[in-house]
Structures are given as structure tokens and as C-alpha cells.
C-alpha atoms as a PDB file:
ATOM      1  CA  MET A   1     -26.657  36.879  47.932  1.00  0.00           C
ATOM      2  CA  ALA A   2     -26.669  33.545  46.076  1.00  0.00           C
ATOM      3  CA  ILE A   3     -28.832  32.888  43.067  1.00  0.00           C
ATOM      4  CA  LYS A   4     -30.833  29.707  43.218  1.00  0.00           C
ATOM      5  CA  VAL A   5     -31.318  27.853  39.951  1.00  0.00           C
ATOM      6  CA  ASP A   6     -33.607  24.875  39.612  1.00  0.00           C
ATOM      7  CA  VAL A   7     -32.008  22.256  37.377  1.00  0.00           C
ATOM      8  CA  SER A   8     -33.897  19.172  36.443  1.00  0.00           C
ATOM      9  CA  PRO A   9     -31.911  15.965  37.055  1.00  0.00           C
ATOM     10  CA  CYS A  10     -32.810  14.981  33.510  1.00  0.00           C
ATOM     11  CA  LEU A  11     -30.770  17.910  32.169  1.00  0.00           C
ATOM     12  CA  LEU A  12     -27.729  16.654  34.069  1.00  0.00           C
ATOM     13  CA  VAL A  13     -28.093  13.069  32.897  1.00  0.00           C
ATOM     14  CA  ILE A  14     -28.363  13.860  29.164  1.00  0.00           C
ATOM     15  CA  PRO A  15     -24.840  15.351  28.805  1.00  0.00           C
ATOM     16  CA  ILE A  16     -23.348  12.504  30.829  1.00  0.00           C
ATOM     17  CA  VAL A  17     -25.004   9.847  28.660  1.00  0.00           C
ATOM     18  CA  HIS A  18     -23.957  11.741  25.525  1.00  0.00           C
ATOM     19  CA  PHE A  19     -20.352  11.861  26.762  1.00  0.00           C
ATOM     20  CA  LEU A  20     -20.339   8.129  27.536  1.00  0.00           C
ATOM     21  CA  LEU A  21     -21.718   7.253  24.100  1.00  0.00           C
ATOM     22  CA  LEU A  22     -19.121   9.362  22.323  1.00  0.00           C
ATOM     23  CA  SER A  23     -16.331   7.963  24.489  1.00  0.00           C
ATOM     24  CA  SER A  24     -17.292   4.372  23.781  1.00  0.00           C
ATOM     25  CA  GLN A  25     -17.354   5.095  20.026  1.00  0.00           C
ATOM     26  CA  HIS A  26     -13.897   6.697  20.251  1.00  0.00           C
ATOM     27  CA  PHE A  27     -12.410   3.735  22.101  1.00  0.00           C
ATOM     28  CA  ALA A  28     -14.033   1.211  19.745  1.00  0.00           C
ATOM     29  CA  THR A  29     -12.504   3.012  16.773  1.00  0.00           C
ATOM     30  CA  ALA A  30      -9.126   3.233  18.460  1.00  0.00           C
ATOM     31  CA  SER A  31      -9.010  -0.511  19.073  1.00  0.00           C
ATOM     32  CA  ASN A  32      -9.583  -1.188  15.349  1.00  0.00           C
ATOM     33  CA  GLU A  33      -6.878   1.295  14.414  1.00  0.00           C
ATOM     34  CA  ASN A  34      -4.445  -0.488  16.740  1.00  0.00           C
ATOM     35  CA  GLU A  35      -5.033  -3.905  15.164  1.00  0.00           C
ATOM     36  CA  ILE A  36      -1.761  -5.541  14.079  1.00  0.00           C
ATOM     37  CA  GLY A  37      -0.329  -8.756  12.728  1.00  0.00           C
ATOM     38  CA  LYS A  38      -1.900 -11.569  10.768  1.00  0.00           C
ATOM     39  CA  SER A  39      -5.468 -10.484  11.502  1.00  0.00           C
ATOM     40  CA  LEU A  40      -4.734  -7.009  10.108  1.00  0.00           C
ATOM     41  CA  ILE A  41      -3.028  -8.485   7.039  1.00  0.00           C
ATOM     42  CA  THR A  42      -6.016 -10.765   6.424  1.00  0.00           C
ATOM     43  CA  LYS A  43      -8.558  -8.008   6.996  1.00  0.00           C
ATOM     44  CA  THR A  44      -6.653  -5.519   4.829  1.00  0.00           C
ATOM     45  CA  CYS A  45      -5.889  -7.924   1.999  1.00  0.00           C
ATOM     46  CA  ASN A  46      -9.454  -9.258   1.908  1.00  0.00           C
ATOM     47  CA  GLY A  47     -10.492  -5.755   0.859  1.00  0.00           C
ATOM     48  CA  THR A  48      -8.199  -5.833  -2.181  1.00  0.00           C
ATOM     49  CA  GLU A  49      -8.663  -7.211  -5.680  1.00  0.00           C
ATOM     50  CA  TYR A  50      -6.025  -9.946  -5.264  1.00  0.00           C
ATOM     51  CA  PRO A  51      -6.135 -10.987  -1.587  1.00  0.00           C
ATOM     52  CA  ASP A  52      -3.947 -14.086  -2.044  1.00  0.00           C
ATOM     53  CA  VAL A  53      -1.141 -12.080  -3.670  1.00  0.00           C
ATOM     54  CA  CYS A  54      -1.463  -9.318  -1.073  1.00  0.00           C
ATOM     55  CA  THR A  55      -1.400 -11.738   1.864  1.00  0.00           C
ATOM     56  CA  SER A  56       1.474 -13.788   0.484  1.00  0.00           C
ATOM     57  CA  ILE A  57       3.709 -10.785  -0.149  1.00  0.00           C
ATOM     58  CA  LEU A  58       2.967  -9.030   3.140  1.00  0.00           C
ATOM     59  CA  GLU A  59       3.404 -12.203   5.187  1.00  0.00           C
ATOM     60  CA  SER A  60       6.800 -12.746   3.520  1.00  0.00           C
ATOM     61  CA  ASP A  61       8.164  -9.811   5.520  1.00  0.00           C
ATOM     62  CA  PRO A  62       8.476 -10.504   9.269  1.00  0.00           C
ATOM     63  CA  ARG A  63       7.944  -6.813  10.084  1.00  0.00           C
ATOM     64  CA  SER A  64       4.322  -7.170   8.964  1.00  0.00           C
ATOM     65  CA  SER A  65       3.460  -9.281  11.999  1.00  0.00           C
ATOM     66  CA  ASN A  66       3.929  -6.261  14.300  1.00  0.00           C
ATOM     67  CA  ALA A  67       2.719  -3.479  12.016  1.00  0.00           C
ATOM     68  CA  ASP A  68      -0.382  -1.342  12.232  1.00  0.00           C
ATOM     69  CA  LEU A  69      -2.113  -0.217   9.015  1.00  0.00           C
ATOM     70  CA  THR A  70       0.322   2.647   8.415  1.00  0.00           C
ATOM     71  CA  GLY A  71       3.328   0.412   9.018  1.00  0.00           C
ATOM     72  CA  LEU A  72       1.867  -2.318   6.832  1.00  0.00           C
ATOM     73  CA  SER A  73       1.355   0.187   4.030  1.00  0.00           C
ATOM     74  CA  ARG A  74       4.953   1.380   4.248  1.00  0.00           C
ATOM     75  CA  ILE A  75       6.232  -2.191   4.280  1.00  0.00           C
ATOM     76  CA  ALA A  76       4.148  -2.898   1.164  1.00  0.00           C
ATOM     77  CA  LEU A  77       5.671   0.145  -0.552  1.00  0.00           C
ATOM     78  CA  GLU A  78       9.188  -0.977   0.379  1.00  0.00           C
ATOM     79  CA  LEU A  79       8.502  -4.540  -0.794  1.00  0.00           C
ATOM     80  CA  THR A  80       7.265  -3.167  -4.102  1.00  0.00           C
ATOM     81  CA  ALA A  81      10.510  -1.224  -4.557  1.00  0.00           C
ATOM     82  CA  THR A  82      12.569  -4.326  -3.778  1.00  0.00           C
ATOM     83  CA  LYS A  83      10.619  -6.589  -6.143  1.00  0.00           C
ATOM     84  CA  VAL A  84      10.644  -3.961  -8.912  1.00  0.00           C
ATOM     85  CA  ASN A  85      14.416  -3.587  -8.501  1.00  0.00           C
ATOM     86  CA  VAL A  86      14.929  -7.347  -8.852  1.00  0.00           C
ATOM     87  CA  THR A  87      12.783  -7.359 -11.991  1.00  0.00           C
ATOM     88  CA  ALA A  88      14.734  -4.403 -13.417  1.00  0.00           C
ATOM     89  CA  ALA A  89      17.914  -6.472 -13.042  1.00  0.00           C
ATOM     90  CA  VAL A  90      16.310  -9.357 -14.950  1.00  0.00           C
ATOM     91  CA  ALA A  91      15.195  -6.973 -17.705  1.00  0.00           C
ATOM     92  CA  TYR A  92      18.729  -5.564 -17.890  1.00  0.00           C
ATOM     93  CA  LYS A  93      20.196  -9.049 -18.385  1.00  0.00           C
ATOM     94  CA  LEU A  94      17.607  -9.760 -21.074  1.00  0.00           C
ATOM     95  CA  MET A  95      18.530  -6.515 -22.799  1.00  0.00           C
ATOM     96  CA  LYS A  96      22.248  -7.324 -22.690  1.00  0.00           C
ATOM     97  CA  ASN A  97      21.689 -10.837 -24.043  1.00  0.00           C
ATOM     98  CA  ALA A  98      19.083  -9.921 -26.671  1.00  0.00           C
ATOM     99  CA  GLY A  99      19.397 -11.749 -29.979  1.00  0.00           C
ATOM    100  CA  GLY A 100      17.805  -9.068 -32.128  1.00  0.00           C
ATOM    101  CA  TYR A 101      16.671  -5.474 -32.270  1.00  0.00           C
ATOM    102  CA  VAL A 102      13.016  -6.104 -31.346  1.00  0.00           C
ATOM    103  CA  GLU A 103      13.989  -8.317 -28.426  1.00  0.00           C
ATOM    104  CA  PHE A 104      16.527  -5.687 -27.302  1.00  0.00           C
ATOM    105  CA  GLY A 105      13.999  -2.852 -27.671  1.00  0.00           C
ATOM    106  CA  ASN A 106      11.315  -4.641 -25.662  1.00  0.00           C
ATOM    107  CA  ALA A 107      13.728  -5.616 -22.883  1.00  0.00           C
ATOM    108  CA  GLN A 108      15.091  -2.072 -22.836  1.00  0.00           C
ATOM    109  CA  ALA A 109      11.580  -0.621 -22.539  1.00  0.00           C
ATOM    110  CA  CYS A 110      10.885  -2.874 -19.554  1.00  0.00           C
ATOM    111  CA  TYR A 111      14.257  -2.125 -17.992  1.00  0.00           C
ATOM    112  CA  VAL A 112      13.772   1.631 -18.296  1.00  0.00           C
ATOM    113  CA  GLY A 113      10.224   1.365 -16.927  1.00  0.00           C
ATOM    114  CA  TYR A 114      11.229  -0.775 -13.986  1.00  0.00           C
ATOM    115  CA  ASN A 115      14.364   1.218 -13.257  1.00  0.00           C
ATOM    116  CA  SER A 116      12.459   4.519 -13.250  1.00  0.00           C
ATOM    117  CA  SER A 117       9.809   2.897 -11.047  1.00  0.00           C
ATOM    118  CA  VAL A 118      12.418   2.013  -8.415  1.00  0.00           C
ATOM    119  CA  HIS A 119      13.526   5.636  -8.436  1.00  0.00           C
ATOM    120  CA  GLU A 120       9.925   6.880  -8.234  1.00  0.00           C
ATOM    121  CA  ILE A 121       9.148   4.712  -5.218  1.00  0.00           C
ATOM    122  CA  ASN A 122      12.395   5.387  -3.360  1.00  0.00           C
ATOM    123  CA  GLU A 123      12.706   9.089  -4.101  1.00  0.00           C
ATOM    124  CA  GLU A 124       9.073  10.171  -4.259  1.00  0.00           C
ATOM    125  CA  GLY A 125       6.713   7.493  -2.967  1.00  0.00           C
ATOM    126  CA  LEU A 126       8.456   6.864   0.343  1.00  0.00           C
ATOM    127  CA  LYS A 127       9.070  10.597   0.822  1.00  0.00           C
ATOM    128  CA  TYR A 128       5.389  11.365   0.312  1.00  0.00           C
ATOM    129  CA  PHE A 129       4.462   8.483   2.576  1.00  0.00           C
ATOM    130  CA  ASP A 130       6.723   9.678   5.385  1.00  0.00           C
ATOM    131  CA  GLU A 131       5.241  13.168   5.015  1.00  0.00           C
ATOM    132  CA  ARG A 132       1.786  11.563   5.381  1.00  0.00           C
ATOM    133  CA  LYS A 133       0.895  12.609   1.846  1.00  0.00           C
ATOM    134  CA  TYR A 134      -0.721   9.258   1.199  1.00  0.00           C
ATOM    135  CA  GLU A 135      -2.683  10.395  -1.843  1.00  0.00           C
ATOM    136  CA  GLU A 136       0.546  11.485  -3.571  1.00  0.00           C
ATOM    137  CA  ALA A 137       2.229   8.199  -2.607  1.00  0.00           C
ATOM    138  CA  ASN A 138      -0.759   6.430  -4.130  1.00  0.00           C
ATOM    139  CA  GLU A 139      -0.244   8.372  -7.379  1.00  0.00           C
ATOM    140  CA  VAL A 140       3.369   7.158  -7.488  1.00  0.00           C
ATOM    141  CA  VAL A 141       2.156   3.562  -7.103  1.00  0.00           C
ATOM    142  CA  ALA A 142      -0.384   4.144  -9.890  1.00  0.00           C
ATOM    143  CA  SER A 143       2.457   5.322 -12.145  1.00  0.00           C
ATOM    144  CA  VAL A 144       4.532   2.250 -11.265  1.00  0.00           C
ATOM    145  CA  ASN A 145       1.507   0.050 -11.990  1.00  0.00           C
ATOM    146  CA  LYS A 146       1.213   1.619 -15.461  1.00  0.00           C
ATOM    147  CA  GLN A 147       4.888   0.891 -16.169  1.00  0.00           C
ATOM    148  CA  ILE A 148       4.422  -2.739 -15.106  1.00  0.00           C
ATOM    149  CA  ASN A 149       1.295  -3.135 -17.212  1.00  0.00           C
ATOM    150  CA  TYR A 150       3.057  -1.622 -20.230  1.00  0.00           C
ATOM    151  CA  CYS A 151       5.928  -4.089 -19.877  1.00  0.00           C
ATOM    152  CA  ALA A 152       3.375  -6.910 -19.652  1.00  0.00           C
ATOM    153  CA  THR A 153       1.972  -5.901 -23.065  1.00  0.00           C
ATOM    154  CA  LEU A 154       5.406  -6.585 -24.596  1.00  0.00           C
ATOM    155  CA  ARG A 155       5.019 -10.271 -23.688  1.00  0.00           C
ATOM    156  CA  ILE A 156       8.566 -11.035 -22.635  1.00  0.00           C
ATOM    157  CA  GLY A 157       8.337 -14.607 -21.344  1.00  0.00           C
ATOM    158  CA  ALA A 158      11.077 -14.232 -18.733  1.00  0.00           C
ATOM    159  CA  LEU A 159       9.227 -11.260 -17.201  1.00  0.00           C
ATOM    160  CA  ASP A 160       5.649 -12.577 -17.418  1.00  0.00           C
ATOM    161  CA  GLU A 161       5.506 -13.982 -13.886  1.00  0.00           C
ATOM    162  CA  SER A 162       7.030 -10.836 -12.324  1.00  0.00           C
ATOM    163  CA  ASN A 163       4.794  -8.554 -14.390  1.00  0.00           C
ATOM    164  CA  THR A 164       1.695 -10.458 -13.290  1.00  0.00           C
ATOM    165  CA  LEU A 165       2.675 -10.558  -9.615  1.00  0.00           C
ATOM    166  CA  LEU A 166       3.756  -6.906  -9.465  1.00  0.00           C
ATOM    167  CA  GLY A 167       0.767  -5.749 -11.483  1.00  0.00           C
ATOM    168  CA  LYS A 168      -1.560  -7.417  -8.992  1.00  0.00           C
ATOM    169  CA  PHE A 169       0.342  -6.285  -5.916  1.00  0.00           C
ATOM    170  CA  THR A 170       0.570  -2.634  -7.003  1.00  0.00           C
ATOM    171  CA  THR A 171      -3.171  -2.733  -7.710  1.00  0.00           C
ATOM    172  CA  ASP A 172      -3.675  -3.985  -4.150  1.00  0.00           C
ATOM    173  CA  LEU A 173      -1.214  -1.448  -2.754  1.00  0.00           C
ATOM    174  CA  LYS A 174      -3.240   1.388  -4.267  1.00  0.00           C
ATOM    175  CA  THR A 175      -6.282   0.018  -2.398  1.00  0.00           C
ATOM    176  CA  ILE A 176      -4.318  -0.271   0.859  1.00  0.00           C
ATOM    177  CA  LEU A 177      -2.897   3.244   0.598  1.00  0.00           C
ATOM    178  CA  HIS A 178      -6.375   4.573  -0.095  1.00  0.00           C
ATOM    179  CA  LEU A 179      -7.361   3.401   3.405  1.00  0.00           C
ATOM    180  CA  LEU A 180      -4.991   6.020   4.811  1.00  0.00           C
ATOM    181  CA  PHE A 181      -6.617   9.048   3.173  1.00  0.00           C
END
């Protein structure tokens, strides 16, 4: 014996409409997450404190043109390590060629700060990033930013431009990484 149940057509339509609304929201979100290239760089960098610096540095790496937000963030972290390493080499030369104790001490402080920052990014920041521990990677970038800002307070003319650029970019990188957590 079959049981007859009266179901209003309205009760059938409501779950279907609800499903369609949720599906369209999911697909709209997915398309934004899959955004890549120049439009993603522009959109991401416009949300930072120094959009011109952010855009310029990210567009300097050809990999950025095919990266999603996660890839763009990793590229930014790698670019930071590279630029910090170059600046550490400049600080080392300044230290070696210093004309006096104060000049030597200031250059040494910057060299040690930059050199330890390279290690922090390569050994900790990228490891955390690859483990999807974006908040921890962000903390590494914050530490690097502090080292850069400290070196900037020493007012070493040959490092001023690098300190300014890296200070701005690491500030922006913290904002970009924050989008991932």
C-alpha cells in the first residue's frame, strides 16, 4: 500500500531557487579568485598603501602576468628576497670601504639586518607560505620591514633609495598577504 503525500508545488520551487542562488554566488566568487595578469596586479596593488611601487615591482617579473593571487603573493615574497639580497651586498661593500668607525658601524648594522632578512624570507617566509601559513609568512615580512626601516633611520645615502623602495614594497606585501588569510 502506497502512502500519498500532498506536496505543494511552491515547496518544490523554493529549494530549487535557493540552490540556483547559492550556485550563482559560488561561481561569481570563483571567477574573481581565478583572475590573473595585469588586471589582478592593478586590482591588488590599488588596495595597498603604495600602488605605484607595488605595480612596478610585480610587473617587473614576467611570471606575474599568469599568476593568480596566491602566485602573485609568492612572486612578491621572492622578489623581496632578491631585492633585499642585492641591498645586503651593497651594505657589505659600504662596510668594507668605511672610512671611520661610525660609518662602519652603521653599514654593518644594515648589512646584518638585510642579511638576516634574506635568511628569514628564504628559510621561514617561503616555507610558511608553501605550507599555506600565510599569517606566519606575513609576520616574517613584518620583521623584514622593521629591519629595513631601522636601516633607513641610519641615513646611509647609498642605501636611501633601496630602503625607501623596500620599505614601501614590504608594507604593500603585508597587505597582499593579508588577502590570503
